[in-house]
N, C-alpha and C. Protein backbone atom coordinates (compact mmCIF):
# COMPACT_ATOMS: atom_id res chain seq x y z
N UNK A 1 0.84 -1.19 -0.03
CA UNK A 1 -0.05 -0.02 -0.06
C UNK A 1 0.91 1.33 -0.01
N UNK A 2 0.38 2.24 -0.66
CA UNK A 2 1.10 3.46 -0.62
C UNK A 2 1.01 4.10 0.76
N UNK A 3 1.77 5.08 0.99
CA UNK A 3 1.88 5.74 2.45
C UNK A 3 0.49 6.46 2.51
N UNK A 4 -0.21 6.20 3.65
CA UNK A 4 -1.51 6.79 3.84
C UNK A 4 -1.54 8.29 4.07
N UNK A 5 -0.35 8.96 3.96
CA UNK A 5 -0.38 10.36 4.12
C UNK A 5 0.78 11.01 3.33
N UNK A 6 0.61 12.21 2.92
CA UNK A 6 1.74 13.10 2.24
C UNK A 6 1.71 14.46 2.91
N UNK A 7 2.86 15.02 2.96
CA UNK A 7 2.91 16.36 3.57
C UNK A 7 3.65 17.22 2.33
N UNK A 8 2.97 18.40 2.19
CA UNK A 8 3.48 19.28 1.18
C UNK A 8 3.70 20.67 1.75
N UNK A 9 4.76 21.37 1.49
CA UNK A 9 5.89 20.90 0.77
C UNK A 9 6.78 19.99 1.58
N UNK A 10 7.58 19.07 0.93
CA UNK A 10 8.48 18.20 1.73
C UNK A 10 9.69 18.99 2.15
N UNK A 11 10.02 19.97 1.58
CA UNK A 11 11.09 20.89 2.01
C UNK A 11 10.47 22.32 2.05
N UNK A 12 10.60 22.94 3.25
CA UNK A 12 9.98 24.28 3.50
C UNK A 12 10.78 25.02 4.35
N UNK A 13 10.32 26.17 4.90
CA UNK A 13 11.07 27.13 5.72
C UNK A 13 10.26 27.19 7.08
N UNK A 14 10.83 27.99 7.98
CA UNK A 14 10.22 28.21 9.31
C UNK A 14 8.84 28.89 9.20
N UNK A 15 8.71 29.62 8.10
CA UNK A 15 7.33 30.31 7.95
C UNK A 15 6.48 29.68 6.88
N UNK A 16 6.77 28.56 6.43
CA UNK A 16 6.01 27.76 5.40
C UNK A 16 4.85 27.26 6.07
N UNK A 17 3.64 27.17 5.26
CA UNK A 17 2.47 26.52 5.78
C UNK A 17 2.62 25.12 5.15
N UNK A 18 2.40 24.11 5.87
CA UNK A 18 2.52 22.82 5.51
C UNK A 18 1.10 22.17 5.57
N UNK A 19 0.81 21.35 4.51
CA UNK A 19 -0.51 20.65 4.42
C UNK A 19 -0.35 19.21 4.34
N UNK A 20 -1.00 18.53 5.27
CA UNK A 20 -1.06 17.09 5.44
C UNK A 20 -2.20 16.51 4.74
N UNK A 21 -2.04 15.70 3.71
CA UNK A 21 -3.14 15.04 3.00
C UNK A 21 -3.21 13.59 3.51
N UNK A 22 -4.31 13.18 4.06
CA UNK A 22 -4.41 11.87 4.62
C UNK A 22 -5.44 11.03 3.80
N UNK A 23 -5.23 9.76 3.61
CA UNK A 23 -6.26 8.88 2.95
C UNK A 23 -7.17 8.31 3.98
N UNK A 24 -6.86 8.43 5.20
CA UNK A 24 -7.75 7.86 6.23
C UNK A 24 -8.04 8.83 7.39
N UNK A 25 -9.14 8.62 8.13
CA UNK A 25 -9.45 9.40 9.25
C UNK A 25 -8.74 9.16 10.51
N UNK A 26 -8.53 10.10 11.34
CA UNK A 26 -7.90 9.91 12.71
C UNK A 26 -6.61 9.26 12.52
N UNK A 27 -5.73 9.63 11.61
CA UNK A 27 -4.35 9.13 11.44
C UNK A 27 -3.43 9.91 12.29
N UNK A 28 -2.85 9.22 13.30
CA UNK A 28 -1.87 9.89 14.25
C UNK A 28 -0.49 9.95 13.61
N UNK A 29 -0.01 11.11 13.36
CA UNK A 29 1.29 11.32 12.75
C UNK A 29 2.22 11.91 13.83
N UNK A 30 3.38 11.26 14.02
CA UNK A 30 4.29 11.61 15.04
C UNK A 30 5.49 12.29 14.35
N UNK A 31 5.78 13.48 14.88
CA UNK A 31 6.85 14.29 14.21
C UNK A 31 8.17 14.09 15.15
N UNK A 32 9.27 13.51 14.59
CA UNK A 32 10.37 13.26 15.27
C UNK A 32 11.60 14.03 14.83
N UNK A 33 12.18 14.79 15.64
CA UNK A 33 13.43 15.53 15.38
C UNK A 33 14.55 15.21 16.32
N UNK A 34 15.69 14.76 15.82
CA UNK A 34 16.74 14.41 16.65
C UNK A 34 16.48 13.33 17.58
N UNK A 35 15.65 12.30 17.30
CA UNK A 35 15.23 11.26 18.09
C UNK A 35 14.38 11.66 19.25
N UNK A 36 13.57 12.84 19.20
CA UNK A 36 12.79 13.20 20.16
C UNK A 36 11.38 13.63 19.51
N UNK A 37 10.31 13.18 20.10
CA UNK A 37 9.12 13.60 19.62
C UNK A 37 8.82 15.08 19.79
N UNK A 38 8.53 15.82 18.66
CA UNK A 38 8.39 17.20 18.79
C UNK A 38 6.86 17.61 18.85
N UNK A 39 6.04 16.76 18.05
CA UNK A 39 4.65 16.98 18.03
C UNK A 39 3.84 15.82 17.54
N UNK A 40 2.63 15.68 17.86
CA UNK A 40 1.64 14.65 17.39
C UNK A 40 0.52 15.35 16.71
N UNK A 41 0.23 14.95 15.50
CA UNK A 41 -0.98 15.61 14.76
C UNK A 41 -1.86 14.54 14.23
N UNK A 42 -3.13 14.82 14.44
CA UNK A 42 -4.22 13.87 13.88
C UNK A 42 -4.71 14.40 12.61
N UNK A 43 -4.57 13.61 11.57
CA UNK A 43 -4.96 14.05 10.25
C UNK A 43 -6.32 13.25 9.79
N UNK A 44 -6.97 13.93 8.93
CA UNK A 44 -8.35 13.28 8.50
C UNK A 44 -8.34 13.40 6.98
N UNK A 45 -9.20 12.44 6.34
CA UNK A 45 -9.38 12.51 4.96
C UNK A 45 -10.27 13.55 4.34
N UNK A 46 -11.10 14.13 5.12
CA UNK A 46 -12.12 15.09 4.53
C UNK A 46 -11.37 16.36 4.10
N UNK A 47 -10.46 16.77 4.68
CA UNK A 47 -9.74 18.05 4.33
C UNK A 47 -8.28 17.97 4.82
N UNK A 48 -7.57 18.73 4.09
CA UNK A 48 -6.04 18.93 4.52
C UNK A 48 -5.93 19.48 5.88
N UNK A 49 -4.87 18.91 6.68
CA UNK A 49 -4.58 19.36 7.98
C UNK A 49 -3.50 20.43 7.85
N UNK A 50 -3.72 21.60 8.23
CA UNK A 50 -2.75 22.69 8.08
C UNK A 50 -1.84 22.94 9.19
N UNK A 51 -0.62 22.94 9.04
CA UNK A 51 0.44 23.44 10.00
C UNK A 51 0.94 24.86 9.51
N UNK A 52 0.59 25.87 10.23
CA UNK A 52 0.89 27.20 9.74
C UNK A 52 2.30 27.51 9.75
N UNK A 53 3.01 26.91 10.67
CA UNK A 53 4.49 27.00 10.54
C UNK A 53 5.13 26.03 11.53
N UNK A 54 6.43 25.70 11.28
CA UNK A 54 7.17 24.77 12.18
C UNK A 54 8.37 25.57 12.59
N UNK A 55 8.42 26.07 13.79
CA UNK A 55 9.54 26.99 14.28
C UNK A 55 10.95 26.43 14.30
N UNK A 56 11.06 25.14 14.60
CA UNK A 56 12.41 24.54 14.83
C UNK A 56 12.79 23.84 13.49
N UNK A 57 13.88 24.40 12.95
CA UNK A 57 14.43 23.82 11.68
C UNK A 57 15.06 22.46 11.94
N UNK A 58 15.12 21.74 10.92
CA UNK A 58 15.76 20.32 10.88
C UNK A 58 15.14 19.49 9.98
N UNK A 59 15.51 18.24 10.08
CA UNK A 59 15.03 17.16 9.20
C UNK A 59 14.13 16.24 10.10
N UNK A 60 12.92 16.38 9.92
CA UNK A 60 11.79 15.68 10.78
C UNK A 60 11.47 14.29 10.02
N UNK A 61 11.36 13.31 10.82
CA UNK A 61 10.81 12.00 10.42
C UNK A 61 9.37 11.97 10.88
N UNK A 62 8.49 12.00 9.87
CA UNK A 62 7.02 11.85 10.26
C UNK A 62 6.70 10.47 10.02
N UNK A 63 6.12 9.79 11.12
CA UNK A 63 5.73 8.37 11.20
C UNK A 63 4.26 8.20 11.67
N UNK A 64 3.78 6.99 11.13
CA UNK A 64 2.46 6.63 11.47
C UNK A 64 2.42 5.13 11.45
N UNK A 65 1.46 4.53 12.07
CA UNK A 65 1.21 3.13 11.88
C UNK A 65 -0.26 2.98 11.50
N UNK A 66 -0.39 2.20 10.35
CA UNK A 66 -1.76 2.04 9.82
C UNK A 66 -2.02 0.67 9.36
N UNK A 67 -2.92 -0.11 9.80
CA UNK A 67 -3.17 -1.54 9.66
C UNK A 67 -2.00 -2.32 9.78
N UNK A 68 -1.27 -2.04 10.95
CA UNK A 68 -0.10 -2.84 11.43
C UNK A 68 1.13 -2.55 10.61
N UNK A 69 1.13 -1.56 9.76
CA UNK A 69 2.26 -1.31 8.91
C UNK A 69 2.79 0.14 9.25
N UNK A 70 4.11 0.30 9.36
CA UNK A 70 4.78 1.63 9.68
C UNK A 70 5.07 2.32 8.43
N UNK A 71 4.76 3.62 8.35
CA UNK A 71 5.05 4.55 7.25
C UNK A 71 5.81 5.78 7.74
N UNK A 72 6.56 6.32 6.89
CA UNK A 72 7.26 7.46 7.18
C UNK A 72 7.45 8.45 6.03
N UNK A 73 7.63 9.70 6.24
CA UNK A 73 8.10 10.61 5.27
C UNK A 73 9.04 11.67 6.00
N UNK A 74 10.07 12.03 5.19
CA UNK A 74 10.90 12.97 5.76
C UNK A 74 10.54 14.35 5.30
N UNK A 75 10.60 15.35 6.28
CA UNK A 75 10.20 16.70 6.09
C UNK A 75 11.33 17.53 6.53
N UNK A 76 11.85 18.39 5.60
CA UNK A 76 12.93 19.20 5.85
C UNK A 76 12.39 20.72 6.08
N UNK A 77 12.72 21.22 7.18
CA UNK A 77 12.55 22.62 7.51
C UNK A 77 13.78 23.40 7.60
N UNK A 78 14.03 24.31 6.70
CA UNK A 78 15.15 25.02 6.58
C UNK A 78 15.18 26.10 7.65
N UNK A 79 16.42 26.47 8.05
CA UNK A 79 16.62 27.45 9.08
C UNK A 79 16.71 28.91 8.44
N UNK A 80 15.59 29.25 7.82
CA UNK A 80 15.49 30.47 7.12
C UNK A 80 13.93 30.82 7.00
N UNK A 81 13.71 32.10 6.67
CA UNK A 81 12.28 32.52 6.46
C UNK A 81 12.23 32.82 4.96
N UNK A 82 11.26 32.39 4.23
CA UNK A 82 11.01 32.67 2.88
C UNK A 82 10.29 34.04 2.76
N UNK A 83 10.89 34.86 1.91
CA UNK A 83 10.31 36.15 1.62
C UNK A 83 9.98 36.22 0.15
N UNK A 84 8.87 36.84 -0.19
CA UNK A 84 8.57 37.03 -1.68
C UNK A 84 8.14 35.85 -2.39
N UNK A 85 7.97 36.01 -3.74
CA UNK A 85 7.43 34.88 -4.51
C UNK A 85 8.36 34.64 -5.67
N UNK A 86 8.18 33.69 -6.41
CA UNK A 86 8.86 33.30 -7.55
C UNK A 86 8.24 33.92 -8.77
N UNK A 87 9.00 33.73 -9.87
CA UNK A 87 8.51 33.96 -11.21
C UNK A 87 7.68 32.88 -11.87
N UNK A 88 6.62 33.23 -12.48
CA UNK A 88 5.79 32.13 -13.20
C UNK A 88 6.55 31.64 -14.34
N UNK A 89 6.59 30.31 -14.51
CA UNK A 89 7.29 29.75 -15.67
C UNK A 89 6.36 29.15 -16.65
N UNK A 90 5.34 28.31 -16.40
CA UNK A 90 4.39 27.80 -17.24
C UNK A 90 3.21 27.19 -16.42
N UNK A 91 2.13 26.84 -17.20
CA UNK A 91 0.97 26.14 -16.53
C UNK A 91 0.53 25.00 -17.42
N UNK A 92 -0.07 24.01 -16.68
CA UNK A 92 -0.58 22.86 -17.49
C UNK A 92 -1.90 22.51 -16.93
N UNK A 93 -2.99 22.41 -17.79
CA UNK A 93 -4.28 22.12 -17.60
C UNK A 93 -4.62 20.91 -18.40
N UNK A 94 -5.27 19.84 -17.78
CA UNK A 94 -5.54 18.59 -18.57
C UNK A 94 -7.12 18.46 -18.63
N UNK A 95 -7.54 18.06 -19.78
CA UNK A 95 -9.02 17.78 -19.99
C UNK A 95 -9.58 16.71 -19.10
N UNK A 96 -8.88 15.55 -18.90
CA UNK A 96 -9.42 14.50 -18.27
C UNK A 96 -8.82 14.25 -16.73
N UNK A 97 -8.37 15.33 -16.17
CA UNK A 97 -7.56 15.37 -14.96
C UNK A 97 -8.14 16.46 -14.08
N UNK A 98 -8.24 16.14 -12.71
CA UNK A 98 -8.75 17.17 -11.74
C UNK A 98 -7.77 17.93 -11.27
N UNK A 99 -6.49 17.95 -11.76
CA UNK A 99 -5.42 18.70 -11.18
C UNK A 99 -4.91 19.60 -12.34
N UNK A 100 -4.52 20.92 -11.94
CA UNK A 100 -3.73 21.73 -12.74
C UNK A 100 -2.43 22.08 -12.15
N UNK A 101 -1.40 22.18 -12.99
CA UNK A 101 -0.03 22.38 -12.41
C UNK A 101 0.49 23.81 -12.89
N UNK A 102 0.96 24.49 -11.90
CA UNK A 102 1.58 25.73 -12.22
C UNK A 102 3.12 25.62 -11.89
N UNK A 103 3.90 26.02 -12.83
CA UNK A 103 5.39 25.84 -12.55
C UNK A 103 5.97 27.29 -12.30
N UNK A 104 6.60 27.45 -11.28
CA UNK A 104 7.26 28.62 -10.94
C UNK A 104 8.82 28.33 -11.13
N UNK A 105 9.59 29.41 -11.17
CA UNK A 105 11.13 29.09 -11.29
C UNK A 105 11.75 28.18 -10.18
N UNK A 106 11.17 28.38 -8.98
CA UNK A 106 11.74 27.55 -7.84
C UNK A 106 10.80 26.58 -7.18
N UNK A 107 9.59 26.38 -7.72
CA UNK A 107 8.65 25.42 -7.05
C UNK A 107 7.51 25.03 -8.02
N UNK A 108 6.80 24.16 -7.60
CA UNK A 108 5.62 23.66 -8.43
C UNK A 108 4.39 23.78 -7.49
N UNK A 109 3.35 24.25 -8.05
CA UNK A 109 1.99 24.37 -7.42
C UNK A 109 1.07 23.34 -8.17
N UNK A 110 0.39 22.50 -7.31
CA UNK A 110 -0.53 21.69 -7.90
C UNK A 110 -1.97 21.97 -7.30
N UNK A 111 -2.93 22.42 -8.20
CA UNK A 111 -4.27 22.79 -7.85
C UNK A 111 -5.11 21.66 -7.99
N UNK A 112 -5.74 21.19 -6.85
CA UNK A 112 -6.77 20.12 -6.82
C UNK A 112 -8.16 20.68 -7.04
N UNK A 113 -8.72 20.55 -8.23
CA UNK A 113 -10.03 21.25 -8.48
C UNK A 113 -11.17 20.65 -7.71
N UNK A 114 -11.10 19.38 -7.36
CA UNK A 114 -12.18 18.72 -6.51
C UNK A 114 -12.23 19.16 -5.13
N UNK A 115 -11.10 19.31 -4.44
CA UNK A 115 -11.00 19.74 -3.06
C UNK A 115 -10.57 21.20 -2.84
N UNK A 116 -10.52 21.91 -4.06
CA UNK A 116 -10.19 23.38 -3.97
C UNK A 116 -8.94 23.63 -3.07
N UNK A 117 -7.85 22.87 -3.33
CA UNK A 117 -6.65 23.07 -2.44
C UNK A 117 -5.43 23.26 -3.39
N UNK A 118 -4.42 23.94 -2.98
CA UNK A 118 -3.25 24.16 -3.62
C UNK A 118 -2.12 23.42 -2.87
N UNK A 119 -1.40 22.57 -3.49
CA UNK A 119 -0.31 21.85 -2.78
C UNK A 119 1.02 22.50 -3.40
N UNK A 120 2.02 22.69 -2.53
CA UNK A 120 3.25 23.26 -3.04
C UNK A 120 4.33 22.24 -2.82
N UNK A 121 5.24 22.24 -3.82
CA UNK A 121 6.47 21.53 -3.67
C UNK A 121 7.60 22.27 -3.97
N UNK A 122 8.43 22.62 -3.01
CA UNK A 122 9.59 23.51 -3.25
C UNK A 122 10.73 22.75 -3.96
N UNK A 123 11.59 23.47 -4.81
CA UNK A 123 12.73 22.92 -5.36
C UNK A 123 12.43 21.94 -6.37
N UNK A 124 11.18 21.81 -6.91
CA UNK A 124 10.90 20.94 -8.04
C UNK A 124 10.18 21.86 -9.03
N UNK A 125 10.71 21.97 -10.31
CA UNK A 125 10.10 22.84 -11.31
C UNK A 125 10.62 22.20 -12.65
N UNK A 126 9.89 21.20 -13.14
CA UNK A 126 10.22 20.53 -14.48
C UNK A 126 10.09 21.50 -15.61
N UNK A 127 10.60 21.20 -16.63
CA UNK A 127 10.58 21.88 -17.83
C UNK A 127 9.22 21.74 -18.47
N UNK A 128 8.75 20.48 -18.34
CA UNK A 128 7.53 20.00 -19.12
C UNK A 128 6.96 19.11 -18.20
N UNK A 129 5.61 18.85 -18.42
CA UNK A 129 4.84 17.77 -17.76
C UNK A 129 4.04 17.02 -18.97
N UNK A 130 4.32 15.73 -18.82
CA UNK A 130 3.75 14.89 -19.81
C UNK A 130 2.45 14.31 -19.36
């Protein structure tokens, strides 16, 4: 099974807004930094769980147990504050897809038309999307 949750962006800043997308309800996510539990977040499938900022920089190991299996994602919080925006590079809209993709020079924005949410992934900006 795929990981039951995803966090966007996977690389962010101390003032970034992080979104947790969960496939299941009441999913307990444990944020571990330097072998210490920093926070526990409960995510649901109805809507993204929003973390407005994470003050302590570092490489977090986000873990959960679902149906007896352990899953994890690494979340990198840089010791910096992001100011300003990037320049627009290109956009992709697909006829048979519920997602639109906006490419900026330094990141990618994915718009989910069904849930009306925008997911951000920093440091990923492909030249083209097939």
